[in-house]
C-alpha atoms as a PDB file:
ATOM      1  CA  MET A   1      -2.550  -7.568  26.961  1.00  0.00           C
ATOM      2  CA  LYS A   2      -5.726  -5.680  27.844  1.00  0.00           C
ATOM      3  CA  SER A   3      -9.071  -7.015  26.123  1.00  0.00           C
ATOM      4  CA  GLU A   4      -9.656  -3.420  24.637  1.00  0.00           C
ATOM      5  CA  ILE A   5      -6.993  -2.374  22.175  1.00  0.00           C
ATOM      6  CA  GLY A   6      -7.115   1.578  21.988  1.00  0.00           C
ATOM      7  CA  ILE A   7      -5.982   2.875  18.697  1.00  0.00           C
ATOM      8  CA  CYS A   8      -4.721   6.163  17.306  1.00  0.00           C
ATOM      9  CA  VAL A   9      -4.689   6.726  13.945  1.00  0.00           C
ATOM     10  CA  ILE A  10      -1.926   9.324  12.878  1.00  0.00           C
ATOM     11  CA  GLY A  11      -2.588  11.270   9.638  1.00  0.00           C
ATOM     12  CA  ALA A  12      -6.256  12.585   8.897  1.00  0.00           C
ATOM     13  CA  GLY A  13      -6.425  12.630   5.194  1.00  0.00           C
ATOM     14  CA  ARG A  14      -8.356  10.096   2.831  1.00  0.00           C
ATOM     15  CA  ALA A  15      -7.082   6.507   3.463  1.00  0.00           C
ATOM     16  CA  GLY A  16      -6.610   7.853   7.658  1.00  0.00           C
ATOM     17  CA  LEU A  17      -9.862   8.253   7.688  1.00  0.00           C
ATOM     18  CA  ILE A  18     -11.068   4.917   6.234  1.00  0.00           C
ATOM     19  CA  HIS A  19      -9.369   2.696   9.127  1.00  0.00           C
ATOM     20  CA  ALA A  20     -10.449   5.597  11.227  1.00  0.00           C
ATOM     21  CA  ARG A  21     -13.956   4.507  10.646  1.00  0.00           C
ATOM     22  CA  ASN A  22     -12.972   0.926  11.032  1.00  0.00           C
ATOM     23  CA  PHE A  23     -11.878   0.915  14.205  1.00  0.00           C
ATOM     24  CA  ARG A  24     -13.858   3.310  15.399  1.00  0.00           C
ATOM     25  CA  SER A  25     -17.091   0.540  15.149  1.00  0.00           C
ATOM     26  CA  ASN A  26     -16.420  -2.752  12.881  1.00  0.00           C
ATOM     27  CA  VAL A  27     -12.720  -3.846  14.337  1.00  0.00           C
ATOM     28  CA  PRO A  28     -13.773  -6.168  17.555  1.00  0.00           C
ATOM     29  CA  GLY A  29     -11.482  -6.561  20.275  1.00  0.00           C
ATOM     30  CA  ALA A  30     -10.408  -2.506  19.561  1.00  0.00           C
ATOM     31  CA  ARG A  31     -11.015   1.092  19.830  1.00  0.00           C
ATOM     32  CA  LEU A  32     -10.563   4.517  18.113  1.00  0.00           C
ATOM     33  CA  VAL A  33      -9.364   6.556  21.156  1.00  0.00           C
ATOM     34  CA  ALA A  34      -7.861   9.680  18.993  1.00  0.00           C
ATOM     35  CA  VAL A  35      -6.502  11.050  15.234  1.00  0.00           C
ATOM     36  CA  THR A  36      -3.359  13.231  15.058  1.00  0.00           C
ATOM     37  CA  ASP A  37      -2.423  15.700  11.704  1.00  0.00           C
ATOM     38  CA  PRO A  38      -0.555  18.613  12.483  1.00  0.00           C
ATOM     39  CA  VAL A  39      -3.100  20.339  10.362  1.00  0.00           C
ATOM     40  CA  GLU A  40      -5.886  21.283  13.353  1.00  0.00           C
ATOM     41  CA  SER A  41      -8.539  21.700  10.573  1.00  0.00           C
ATOM     42  CA  ALA A  42      -7.914  18.064   9.875  1.00  0.00           C
ATOM     43  CA  CYS A  43      -8.210  16.832  13.419  1.00  0.00           C
ATOM     44  CA  LYS A  44     -11.370  18.811  13.997  1.00  0.00           C
ATOM     45  CA  SER A  45     -12.824  17.683  10.664  1.00  0.00           C
ATOM     46  CA  ALA A  46     -12.232  14.412  11.595  1.00  0.00           C
ATOM     47  CA  CYS A  47     -13.277  14.279  15.111  1.00  0.00           C
ATOM     48  CA  GLU A  48     -16.656  15.260  14.190  1.00  0.00           C
ATOM     49  CA  THR A  49     -17.235  12.685  11.872  1.00  0.00           C
ATOM     50  CA  LEU A  50     -16.134   9.798  13.664  1.00  0.00           C
ATOM     51  CA  GLY A  51     -17.946  11.061  16.700  1.00  0.00           C
ATOM     52  CA  ILE A  52     -15.035  11.085  19.232  1.00  0.00           C
ATOM     53  CA  ASP A  53     -13.374  14.494  20.376  1.00  0.00           C
ATOM     54  CA  THR A  54      -9.568  13.373  21.786  1.00  0.00           C
ATOM     55  CA  TYR A  55      -7.184  14.794  19.236  1.00  0.00           C
ATOM     56  CA  TYR A  56      -3.476  15.466  19.090  1.00  0.00           C
ATOM     57  CA  LEU A  57      -1.450  18.133  16.580  1.00  0.00           C
ATOM     58  CA  ASP A  58       1.864  16.152  17.535  1.00  0.00           C
ATOM     59  CA  TYR A  59       1.779  12.293  17.848  1.00  0.00           C
ATOM     60  CA  ARG A  60       4.776  12.265  20.713  1.00  0.00           C
ATOM     61  CA  GLU A  61       1.997  13.631  23.104  1.00  0.00           C
ATOM     62  CA  ALA A  62      -0.153  10.557  21.673  1.00  0.00           C
ATOM     63  CA  LEU A  63       2.106   8.310  22.703  1.00  0.00           C
ATOM     64  CA  GLU A  64       1.826   9.935  26.622  1.00  0.00           C
ATOM     65  CA  ASN A  65      -1.859   8.124  26.785  1.00  0.00           C
ATOM     66  CA  SER A  66      -2.179   5.194  28.357  1.00  0.00           C
ATOM     67  CA  ARG A  67      -5.237   4.787  26.159  1.00  0.00           C
ATOM     68  CA  ILE A  68      -3.270   4.299  23.002  1.00  0.00           C
ATOM     69  CA  ASN A  69      -2.193   0.462  22.692  1.00  0.00           C
ATOM     70  CA  ALA A  70      -1.373   1.224  18.823  1.00  0.00           C
ATOM     71  CA  VAL A  71      -1.355   3.330  16.019  1.00  0.00           C
ATOM     72  CA  VAL A  72      -1.763   3.181  12.579  1.00  0.00           C
ATOM     73  CA  VAL A  73       0.417   5.522  10.458  1.00  0.00           C
ATOM     74  CA  VAL A  74      -1.012   6.944   7.388  1.00  0.00           C
ATOM     75  CA  ALA A  75       1.686  10.209   7.068  1.00  0.00           C
ATOM     76  CA  PRO A  76       3.684  10.937   4.960  1.00  0.00           C
ATOM     77  CA  THR A  77       6.104   8.272   3.732  1.00  0.00           C
ATOM     78  CA  VAL A  78       8.622  10.492   4.658  1.00  0.00           C
ATOM     79  CA  PHE A  79       7.432  10.717   8.311  1.00  0.00           C
ATOM     80  CA  HIS A  80       7.315   6.535   8.685  1.00  0.00           C
ATOM     81  CA  ARG A  81      10.478   5.993   9.738  1.00  0.00           C
ATOM     82  CA  ASP A  82      10.704   8.806  13.174  1.00  0.00           C
ATOM     83  CA  ILE A  83       6.888   8.115  14.117  1.00  0.00           C
ATOM     84  CA  ALA A  84       7.233   3.758  13.684  1.00  0.00           C
ATOM     85  CA  VAL A  85       9.985   3.973  15.523  1.00  0.00           C
ATOM     86  CA  ASN A  86       8.787   6.722  18.458  1.00  0.00           C
ATOM     87  CA  ALA A  87       6.159   4.041  18.597  1.00  0.00           C
ATOM     88  CA  CYS A  88       7.824   1.272  18.652  1.00  0.00           C
ATOM     89  CA  ASP A  89      10.096   2.643  21.499  1.00  0.00           C
ATOM     90  CA  ALA A  90       7.027   3.732  23.262  1.00  0.00           C
ATOM     91  CA  LYS A  91       5.606  -0.255  23.602  1.00  0.00           C
ATOM     92  CA  ARG A  92       2.424   1.540  20.918  1.00  0.00           C
ATOM     93  CA  HIS A  93       2.500  -1.463  17.889  1.00  0.00           C
ATOM     94  CA  VAL A  94       2.579  -0.327  14.797  1.00  0.00           C
ATOM     95  CA  PHE A  95       0.839  -0.483  11.688  1.00  0.00           C
ATOM     96  CA  CYS A  96       2.072   1.805   9.027  1.00  0.00           C
ATOM     97  CA  GLU A  97       0.853   1.495   5.488  1.00  0.00           C
ATOM     98  CA  LYS A  98       3.045   1.795   2.070  1.00  0.00           C
ATOM     99  CA  PRO A  99       5.170   2.396   0.860  1.00  0.00           C
ATOM    100  CA  MET A 100       6.920   0.946   4.542  1.00  0.00           C
ATOM    101  CA  ALA A 101       9.389   3.964   4.444  1.00  0.00           C
ATOM    102  CA  MET A 102      11.540   5.945   1.891  1.00  0.00           C
ATOM    103  CA  ASN A 103      14.518   3.990   2.003  1.00  0.00           C
ATOM    104  CA  GLU A 104      16.202  -0.141   3.318  1.00  0.00           C
ATOM    105  CA  ALA A 105      18.151   1.546   6.350  1.00  0.00           C
ATOM    106  CA  GLU A 106      14.501   3.363   7.342  1.00  0.00           C
ATOM    107  CA  CYS A 107      12.928   0.413   6.741  1.00  0.00           C
ATOM    108  CA  TYR A 108      15.491  -1.777   9.219  1.00  0.00           C
ATOM    109  CA  ASP A 109      15.483   0.698  11.419  1.00  0.00           C
ATOM    110  CA  MET A 110      11.558   0.365  11.807  1.00  0.00           C
ATOM    111  CA  ILE A 111      11.910  -3.594  11.552  1.00  0.00           C
ATOM    112  CA  ARG A 112      14.587  -3.224  14.787  1.00  0.00           C
ATOM    113  CA  ALA A 113      12.604  -0.511  16.604  1.00  0.00           C
ATOM    114  CA  ALA A 114      10.021  -3.446  17.198  1.00  0.00           C
ATOM    115  CA  GLU A 115      12.207  -5.944  17.926  1.00  0.00           C
ATOM    116  CA  ARG A 116      13.348  -3.766  20.467  1.00  0.00           C
ATOM    117  CA  GLY A 117      10.369  -2.948  21.560  1.00  0.00           C
ATOM    118  CA  GLY A 118       7.917  -6.315  21.222  1.00  0.00           C
ATOM    119  CA  VAL A 119       5.437  -4.855  19.628  1.00  0.00           C
ATOM    120  CA  LYS A 120       3.606  -5.689  16.416  1.00  0.00           C
ATOM    121  CA  LEU A 121       4.718  -3.676  13.057  1.00  0.00           C
ATOM    122  CA  GLN A 122       2.321  -4.499  10.458  1.00  0.00           C
ATOM    123  CA  ILE A 123       2.147  -3.172   6.589  1.00  0.00           C
ATOM    124  CA  GLY A 124      -1.118  -2.394   4.473  1.00  0.00           C
ATOM    125  CA  PHE A 125      -0.761  -4.235   1.863  1.00  0.00           C
ATOM    126  CA  MET A 126      -4.032  -4.262   1.813  1.00  0.00           C
ATOM    127  CA  ARG A 127      -4.463  -6.417  -1.313  1.00  0.00           C
ATOM    128  CA  ARG A 128      -3.138 -10.342   0.339  1.00  0.00           C
ATOM    129  CA  PHE A 129      -6.926  -9.157   2.224  1.00  0.00           C
ATOM    130  CA  ASP A 130      -8.661  -9.449  -0.696  1.00  0.00           C
ATOM    131  CA  ALA A 131     -11.374 -11.417  -1.861  1.00  0.00           C
ATOM    132  CA  GLY A 132     -10.146 -11.822  -4.781  1.00  0.00           C
ATOM    133  CA  PHE A 133      -6.941 -12.244  -4.643  1.00  0.00           C
ATOM    134  CA  ARG A 134      -6.882 -14.414  -2.183  1.00  0.00           C
ATOM    135  CA  GLN A 135      -9.273 -16.762  -3.636  1.00  0.00           C
ATOM    136  CA  ALA A 136      -6.129 -15.996  -6.676  1.00  0.00           C
ATOM    137  CA  LYS A 137      -3.531 -17.270  -3.830  1.00  0.00           C
ATOM    138  CA  GLU A 138      -5.743 -20.642  -3.513  1.00  0.00           C
ATOM    139  CA  ILE A 139      -6.045 -20.912  -7.467  1.00  0.00           C
ATOM    140  CA  VAL A 140      -2.662 -20.814  -7.557  1.00  0.00           C
ATOM    141  CA  THR A 141      -1.039 -22.691  -4.367  1.00  0.00           C
ATOM    142  CA  ASN A 142      -3.275 -25.511  -5.255  1.00  0.00           C
ATOM    143  CA  GLY A 143      -1.404 -25.501  -8.455  1.00  0.00           C
ATOM    144  CA  ASP A 144      -4.813 -25.079 -10.540  1.00  0.00           C
ATOM    145  CA  VAL A 145      -2.377 -23.452 -12.996  1.00  0.00           C
ATOM    146  CA  GLY A 146       0.758 -25.312 -13.147  1.00  0.00           C
ATOM    147  CA  ASP A 147       3.862 -23.925 -12.046  1.00  0.00           C
ATOM    148  CA  VAL A 148       3.442 -19.765 -11.610  1.00  0.00           C
ATOM    149  CA  VAL A 149       5.865 -19.083 -15.087  1.00  0.00           C
ATOM    150  CA  MET A 150       4.639 -14.920 -14.853  1.00  0.00           C
ATOM    151  CA  VAL A 151       2.968 -12.410 -12.683  1.00  0.00           C
ATOM    152  CA  ARG A 152       1.935  -9.233 -14.643  1.00  0.00           C
ATOM    153  CA  SER A 153       0.267  -6.581 -12.363  1.00  0.00           C
ATOM    154  CA  ASN A 154      -1.720  -2.746 -13.322  1.00  0.00           C
ATOM    155  CA  THR A 155      -2.550  -0.072 -11.031  1.00  0.00           C
ATOM    156  CA  ARG A 156      -3.255   3.467 -12.808  1.00  0.00           C
ATOM    157  CA  GLY A 157      -4.874   5.420 -10.955  1.00  0.00           C
ATOM    158  CA  PRO A 158      -7.447   7.940 -11.843  1.00  0.00           C
ATOM    159  CA  SER A 159      -6.351  11.422 -10.954  1.00  0.00           C
ATOM    160  CA  VAL A 160      -3.360  13.734 -11.272  1.00  0.00           C
ATOM    161  CA  PRO A 161      -0.441  13.525  -8.673  1.00  0.00           C
ATOM    162  CA  GLN A 162       0.049  16.001  -5.736  1.00  0.00           C
ATOM    163  CA  PRO A 163       2.648  18.813  -6.576  1.00  0.00           C
ATOM    164  CA  TRP A 164       4.288  17.418  -3.253  1.00  0.00           C
ATOM    165  CA  MET A 165       5.163  14.217  -5.538  1.00  0.00           C
ATOM    166  CA  TYR A 166       7.191  15.833  -8.187  1.00  0.00           C
ATOM    167  CA  ASP A 167      10.221  15.110  -6.222  1.00  0.00           C
ATOM    168  CA  ILE A 168      11.129  11.945  -6.930  1.00  0.00           C
ATOM    169  CA  LYS A 169      13.523  11.946  -3.956  1.00  0.00           C
ATOM    170  CA  LYS A 170      10.909  13.976  -1.143  1.00  0.00           C
ATOM    171  CA  SER A 171       8.094  10.982  -2.519  1.00  0.00           C
ATOM    172  CA  ASN A 172       9.551   8.105  -4.704  1.00  0.00           C
ATOM    173  CA  GLY A 173       7.391   8.763  -7.395  1.00  0.00           C
ATOM    174  CA  PRO A 174       4.739   6.595  -8.809  1.00  0.00           C
ATOM    175  CA  LEU A 175       6.997   3.207  -8.171  1.00  0.00           C
ATOM    176  CA  ALA A 176       6.094   4.096  -4.591  1.00  0.00           C
ATOM    177  CA  GLU A 177       2.859   6.062  -4.344  1.00  0.00           C
ATOM    178  CA  VAL A 178       0.661   3.594  -6.815  1.00  0.00           C
ATOM    179  CA  ASN A 179       2.946   0.100  -7.379  1.00  0.00           C
ATOM    180  CA  SER A 180       4.106  -0.940  -4.001  1.00  0.00           C
ATOM    181  CA  HIS A 181       0.620  -2.674  -4.137  1.00  0.00           C
ATOM    182  CA  ASP A 182       1.913  -4.110  -7.443  1.00  0.00           C
ATOM    183  CA  ILE A 183       5.237  -4.790  -6.337  1.00  0.00           C
ATOM    184  CA  ASP A 184       4.084  -6.909  -3.297  1.00  0.00           C
ATOM    185  CA  THR A 185       1.167  -9.083  -5.115  1.00  0.00           C
ATOM    186  CA  LEU A 186       4.411 -10.195  -7.321  1.00  0.00           C
ATOM    187  CA  ARG A 187       6.559 -11.067  -4.525  1.00  0.00           C
ATOM    188  CA  TRP A 188       3.679 -13.079  -2.573  1.00  0.00           C
ATOM    189  CA  PHE A 189       2.027 -15.032  -6.572  1.00  0.00           C
ATOM    190  CA  THR A 190       5.777 -15.426  -7.395  1.00  0.00           C
ATOM    191  CA  GLU A 191       6.966 -16.494  -3.933  1.00  0.00           C
ATOM    192  CA  SER A 192       9.906 -15.137  -4.595  1.00  0.00           C
ATOM    193  CA  GLU A 193      11.959 -12.234  -4.267  1.00  0.00           C
ATOM    194  CA  PHE A 194      13.222  -9.752  -6.983  1.00  0.00           C
ATOM    195  CA  SER A 195      16.730 -10.147  -8.823  1.00  0.00           C
ATOM    196  CA  SER A 196      16.706  -7.563 -11.457  1.00  0.00           C
ATOM    197  CA  VAL A 197      14.524  -5.130 -12.625  1.00  0.00           C
ATOM    198  CA  TYR A 198      14.441  -2.948 -16.187  1.00  0.00           C
ATOM    199  CA  ALA A 199      12.212   0.541 -16.282  1.00  0.00           C
ATOM    200  CA  ILE A 200      11.448   2.954 -18.339  1.00  0.00           C
ATOM    201  CA  GLY A 201       8.968   6.021 -17.382  1.00  0.00           C
ATOM    202  CA  GLY A 202       8.147   9.385 -18.798  1.00  0.00           C
ATOM    203  CA  ASN A 203       5.679  12.013 -17.719  1.00  0.00           C
ATOM    204  CA  PHE A 204       3.096  12.420 -20.257  1.00  0.00           C
ATOM    205  CA  ARG A 205      -0.153  14.053 -18.109  1.00  0.00           C
ATOM    206  CA  SER A 206       1.934  16.450 -15.528  1.00  0.00           C
ATOM    207  CA  PRO A 207       3.137  19.406 -17.919  1.00  0.00           C
ATOM    208  CA  GLY A 208       4.189  21.890 -14.943  1.00  0.00           C
ATOM    209  CA  ALA A 209       6.409  19.091 -13.845  1.00  0.00           C
ATOM    210  CA  ARG A 210       8.566  19.447 -16.570  1.00  0.00           C
ATOM    211  CA  ALA A 211      10.422  22.523 -16.513  1.00  0.00           C
ATOM    212  CA  GLU A 212      10.739  21.979 -12.287  1.00  0.00           C
ATOM    213  CA  PHE A 213      10.971  18.218 -12.777  1.00  0.00           C
ATOM    214  CA  PRO A 214      12.689  16.153 -15.477  1.00  0.00           C
ATOM    215  CA  ASP A 215      12.858  12.915 -13.646  1.00  0.00           C
ATOM    216  CA  PHE A 216       9.030  13.352 -12.799  1.00  0.00           C
ATOM    217  CA  TYR A 217       6.905  10.583 -14.148  1.00  0.00           C
ATOM    218  CA  ASP A 218       3.392   9.230 -14.455  1.00  0.00           C
ATOM    219  CA  ASN A 219       3.763   6.248 -16.293  1.00  0.00           C
ATOM    220  CA  VAL A 220       6.242   3.718 -15.672  1.00  0.00           C
ATOM    221  CA  VAL A 221       6.479   0.208 -17.023  1.00  0.00           C
ATOM    222  CA  VAL A 222       8.758  -2.711 -14.835  1.00  0.00           C
ATOM    223  CA  SER A 223      10.304  -5.820 -16.482  1.00  0.00           C
ATOM    224  CA  ALA A 224      11.540  -8.129 -13.553  1.00  0.00           C
ATOM    225  CA  ALA A 225      13.118 -11.429 -13.091  1.00  0.00           C
ATOM    226  CA  PHE A 226      12.929 -13.111  -9.935  1.00  0.00           C
ATOM    227  CA  ALA A 227      15.453 -15.132  -8.327  1.00  0.00           C
ATOM    228  CA  ASN A 228      13.676 -18.298  -8.594  1.00  0.00           C
ATOM    229  CA  GLY A 229      13.436 -17.834 -12.408  1.00  0.00           C
ATOM    230  CA  CYS A 230       9.974 -16.559 -12.352  1.00  0.00           C
ATOM    231  CA  GLN A 231       9.249 -12.760 -14.735  1.00  0.00           C
ATOM    232  CA  GLY A 232       7.511 -10.031 -13.759  1.00  0.00           C
ATOM    233  CA  ILE A 233       5.902  -7.358 -15.482  1.00  0.00           C
ATOM    234  CA  ILE A 234       4.018  -4.135 -13.779  1.00  0.00           C
ATOM    235  CA  ASP A 235       2.509  -1.170 -15.382  1.00  0.00           C
ATOM    236  CA  GLY A 236       1.505   1.839 -13.513  1.00  0.00           C
ATOM    237  CA  ALA A 237       0.267   5.758 -14.495  1.00  0.00           C
ATOM    238  CA  GLN A 238      -0.926   8.769 -12.495  1.00  0.00           C
ATOM    239  CA  GLY A 239      -4.039  10.673 -13.973  1.00  0.00           C
ATOM    240  CA  VAL A 240      -5.828   8.504 -16.038  1.00  0.00           C
ATOM    241  CA  GLY A 241      -9.410  10.067 -15.717  1.00  0.00           C
ATOM    242  CA  TYR A 242     -11.187   7.182 -16.977  1.00  0.00           C
ATOM    243  CA  ALA A 243     -11.609   5.117 -13.606  1.00  0.00           C
ATOM    244  CA  TYR A 244      -9.166   3.502 -10.778  1.00  0.00           C
ATOM    245  CA  ASP A 245      -7.500   0.171 -12.886  1.00  0.00           C
ATOM    246  CA  ALA A 246      -5.997  -2.585 -10.546  1.00  0.00           C
ATOM    247  CA  ARG A 247      -6.223  -6.188 -12.401  1.00  0.00           C
ATOM    248  CA  THR A 248      -3.488  -9.191 -11.586  1.00  0.00           C
ATOM    249  CA  GLU A 249      -3.090 -11.932 -14.477  1.00  0.00           C
ATOM    250  CA  ILE A 250      -0.350 -14.750 -12.866  1.00  0.00           C
ATOM    251  CA  LEU A 251       0.211 -17.044 -15.716  1.00  0.00           C
ATOM    252  CA  GLY A 252       1.192 -20.907 -15.122  1.00  0.00           C
ATOM    253  CA  THR A 253       2.139 -23.642 -16.677  1.00  0.00           C
ATOM    254  CA  LYS A 254      -1.235 -24.690 -17.632  1.00  0.00           C
ATOM    255  CA  GLY A 255      -3.238 -21.745 -17.288  1.00  0.00           C
ATOM    256  CA  CYS A 256      -3.432 -18.095 -15.735  1.00  0.00           C
ATOM    257  CA  VAL A 257      -5.293 -16.728 -13.813  1.00  0.00           C
ATOM    258  CA  PHE A 258      -7.053 -13.401 -13.926  1.00  0.00           C
ATOM    259  CA  VAL A 259      -7.644 -10.912 -10.941  1.00  0.00           C
ATOM    260  CA  GLY A 260      -9.929  -7.183 -10.325  1.00  0.00           C
ATOM    261  CA  LYS A 261     -12.034  -5.962 -12.879  1.00  0.00           C
ATOM    262  CA  LEU A 262     -12.712  -2.099 -14.510  1.00  0.00           C
ATOM    263  CA  GLN A 263     -15.993  -2.770 -14.296  1.00  0.00           C
ATOM    264  CA  ASP A 264     -17.747  -1.256 -11.082  1.00  0.00           C
ATOM    265  CA  ARG A 265     -21.403  -3.539 -11.557  1.00  0.00           C
ATOM    266  CA  SER A 266     -22.648  -6.765 -13.728  1.00  0.00           C
ATOM    267  CA  VAL A 267     -25.144  -3.750 -16.316  1.00  0.00           C
ATOM    268  CA  VAL A 268     -24.137  -3.087 -19.737  1.00  0.00           C
ATOM    269  CA  THR A 269     -25.806  -0.105 -21.543  1.00  0.00           C
ATOM    270  CA  CYS A 270     -25.936  -0.690 -25.523  1.00  0.00           C
ATOM    271  CA  THR A 271     -26.471   2.092 -27.674  1.00  0.00           C
ATOM    272  CA  ALA A 272     -26.270   3.709 -31.336  1.00  0.00           C
ATOM    273  CA  ASP A 273     -23.773   5.939 -29.856  1.00  0.00           C
ATOM    274  CA  SER A 274     -22.576   3.123 -27.061  1.00  0.00           C
ATOM    275  CA  HIS A 275     -20.553   1.939 -30.337  1.00  0.00           C
ATOM    276  CA  GLY A 276     -21.750  -2.007 -29.088  1.00  0.00           C
ATOM    277  CA  GLY A 277     -21.834  -0.780 -24.710  1.00  0.00           C
ATOM    278  CA  THR A 278     -20.951   1.563 -22.436  1.00  0.00           C
ATOM    279  CA  TYR A 279     -20.534  -0.052 -18.485  1.00  0.00           C
ATOM    280  CA  SER A 280     -19.895   1.688 -14.948  1.00  0.00           C
ATOM    281  CA  THR A 281     -16.371   1.633 -13.406  1.00  0.00           C
ATOM    282  CA  VAL A 282     -14.902   1.669 -10.072  1.00  0.00           C
ATOM    283  CA  PRO A 283     -14.113   5.085  -9.497  1.00  0.00           C
ATOM    284  CA  SER A 284     -11.634   5.258  -6.696  1.00  0.00           C
ATOM    285  CA  TRP A 285      -9.583   3.133  -4.264  1.00  0.00           C
ATOM    286  CA  ARG A 286     -11.503   3.941  -1.189  1.00  0.00           C
ATOM    287  CA  GLN A 287     -14.428   1.433  -2.529  1.00  0.00           C
ATOM    288  CA  LEU A 288     -13.258  -1.132  -4.791  1.00  0.00           C
ATOM    289  CA  PHE A 289     -10.774  -1.863  -1.817  1.00  0.00           C
ATOM    290  CA  GLU A 290     -13.097  -1.550   1.089  1.00  0.00           C
ATOM    291  CA  PRO A 291     -13.106  -4.490   2.957  1.00  0.00           C
ATOM    292  CA  ALA A 292      -9.886  -5.260   2.355  1.00  0.00           C
ATOM    293  CA  TYR A 293      -8.931  -2.259   4.017  1.00  0.00           C
ATOM    294  CA  LEU A 294     -11.140  -3.713   6.624  1.00  0.00           C
ATOM    295  CA  ALA A 295      -9.663  -7.286   7.155  1.00  0.00           C
ATOM    296  CA  GLU A 296      -6.502  -6.063   7.067  1.00  0.00           C
ATOM    297  CA  ASP A 297      -7.500  -3.982  10.398  1.00  0.00           C
ATOM    298  CA  ILE A 298      -9.268  -6.619  11.769  1.00  0.00           C
ATOM    299  CA  ALA A 299      -6.041  -9.241  11.219  1.00  0.00           C
ATOM    300  CA  PHE A 300      -3.903  -6.138  12.675  1.00  0.00           C
ATOM    301  CA  ALA A 301      -6.012  -6.146  16.444  1.00  0.00           C
ATOM    302  CA  GLU A 302      -6.009 -10.113  16.064  1.00  0.00           C
ATOM    303  CA  SER A 303      -2.302 -10.328  15.874  1.00  0.00           C
ATOM    304  CA  ILE A 304      -2.215  -8.148  18.768  1.00  0.00           C
ATOM    305  CA  ALA A 305      -4.730  -9.971  20.948  1.00  0.00           C
ATOM    306  CA  ASN A 306      -3.179 -13.318  20.392  1.00  0.00           C
ATOM    307  CA  ASP A 307       0.381 -12.839  20.334  1.00  0.00           C
ATOM    308  CA  THR A 308       1.107 -13.370  16.824  1.00  0.00           C
ATOM    309  CA  ALA A 309       3.407 -12.330  13.676  1.00  0.00           C
ATOM    310  CA  PRO A 310       1.608 -10.098  11.377  1.00  0.00           C
ATOM    311  CA  ARG A 311       0.042 -11.146   7.436  1.00  0.00           C
ATOM    312  CA  VAL A 312       2.013  -9.149   6.055  1.00  0.00           C
ATOM    313  CA  THR A 313       5.318  -8.102   8.190  1.00  0.00           C
ATOM    314  CA  GLY A 314       8.015  -5.181   7.880  1.00  0.00           C
ATOM    315  CA  LYS A 315      10.093  -7.702   5.630  1.00  0.00           C
ATOM    316  CA  ASP A 316       8.062  -7.378   3.237  1.00  0.00           C
ATOM    317  CA  GLY A 317       7.444  -3.515   3.363  1.00  0.00           C
ATOM    318  CA  LEU A 318      11.123  -3.589   3.068  1.00  0.00           C
ATOM    319  CA  MET A 319      11.499  -5.363   0.384  1.00  0.00           C
ATOM    320  CA  ALA A 320       8.650  -3.230  -1.662  1.00  0.00           C
ATOM    321  CA  VAL A 321      11.426  -0.217  -0.888  1.00  0.00           C
ATOM    322  CA  ARG A 322      13.996  -2.401  -1.985  1.00  0.00           C
ATOM    323  CA  VAL A 323      12.268  -2.536  -5.032  1.00  0.00           C
ATOM    324  CA  VAL A 324      11.438   0.771  -5.661  1.00  0.00           C
ATOM    325  CA  ASN A 325      14.688   2.131  -4.990  1.00  0.00           C
ATOM    326  CA  ALA A 326      15.944  -0.355  -7.163  1.00  0.00           C
ATOM    327  CA  GLY A 327      12.925   0.437  -9.929  1.00  0.00           C
ATOM    328  CA  ASN A 328      13.707   4.000 -10.061  1.00  0.00           C
ATOM    329  CA  THR A 329      17.193   3.744 -10.366  1.00  0.00           C
ATOM    330  CA  SER A 330      16.541   1.915 -13.871  1.00  0.00           C
ATOM    331  CA  ILE A 331      14.870   4.784 -15.577  1.00  0.00           C
ATOM    332  CA  MET A 332      16.896   7.288 -14.268  1.00  0.00           C
ATOM    333  CA  GLU A 333      20.640   5.794 -14.983  1.00  0.00           C
ATOM    334  CA  LYS A 334      18.402   3.679 -18.520  1.00  0.00           C
ATOM    335  CA  ARG A 335      20.055   0.089 -17.201  1.00  0.00           C
ATOM    336  CA  ILE A 336      18.875  -3.110 -15.503  1.00  0.00           C
ATOM    337  CA  VAL A 337      19.806  -2.668 -11.819  1.00  0.00           C
ATOM    338  CA  LYS A 338      19.747  -5.642  -9.605  1.00  0.00           C
ATOM    339  CA  CYS A 339      17.957  -5.868  -6.223  1.00  0.00           C
ATOM    340  CA  GLY A 340      20.364  -7.634  -3.521  1.00  0.00           C
ATOM    341  CA  THR A 341      19.651 -10.205  -1.668  1.00  0.00           C
ATOM    342  CA  ALA A 342      16.638 -11.347   0.546  1.00  0.00           C
ATOM    343  CA  LEU A 343      16.506 -10.992   4.020  1.00  0.00           C
END
């Protein structure tokens, strides 16, 4: 492997720019070479922001650039499979943002392509790289709260869903776009696979979707059972308005670990009008997990340079997609759905 890893970020949206900025100047041993996006204005804006001059409207042209050793896939989920497979076949390492793909078959295609190409495939579950979540994992691993009994995780986003998300068949809904992180968090802390899920969803904040997309939900609750007997709860929401809210609880036989907070800073203002106190809240996932994004990008570069397995693998991505699909089936058919067996 070359001493300097050339990176191309595929997708010039908000998340793509986070990764691009990291690889532009903050990831040792790696260098941002190019960005790609089918929207030329987005490419030009990204290049100006990042101080680079190379962009492509078709990612396949980027794969012909010998300076590019790896790609970061931050395109819409429906394109992940084709981009990743083509990149792997071109002998380019792949970091793919969550959700990994639309279904298990696509995930398997990506995993096999990476094996066939002899390249790394890492999935973007950045909470595994967050300092607070990693500390909680260490506490649980050390047995400080006893055996894990139940893990509860929520992600609630302040912004309203984009219209392209309304068609569940094309987007896989909030379970994929919002709660993939929660699904992976439950797997990580229980150290087990989902055995069954029961999910309920409802559209409470997106009236524009109700007529054409009656199956769309912007609020979801999942009850889960695990192969090792652990229990799990996930709740997710879009358009809550009040903040970006990501929190997890790990309940053990001897105690409980709480991870994450709604409060952004330690300053609390108390006035007669505040009815007990007010404090600033976390406005976006971009602020809350900024260090975790950098840590996972560094880990990706290190796995390439050191020829080691990624800390978040294609299997992790596949198992989350399996649960997303099972959860959506549960919502539609109003029944408990078994999640199949592990790889």
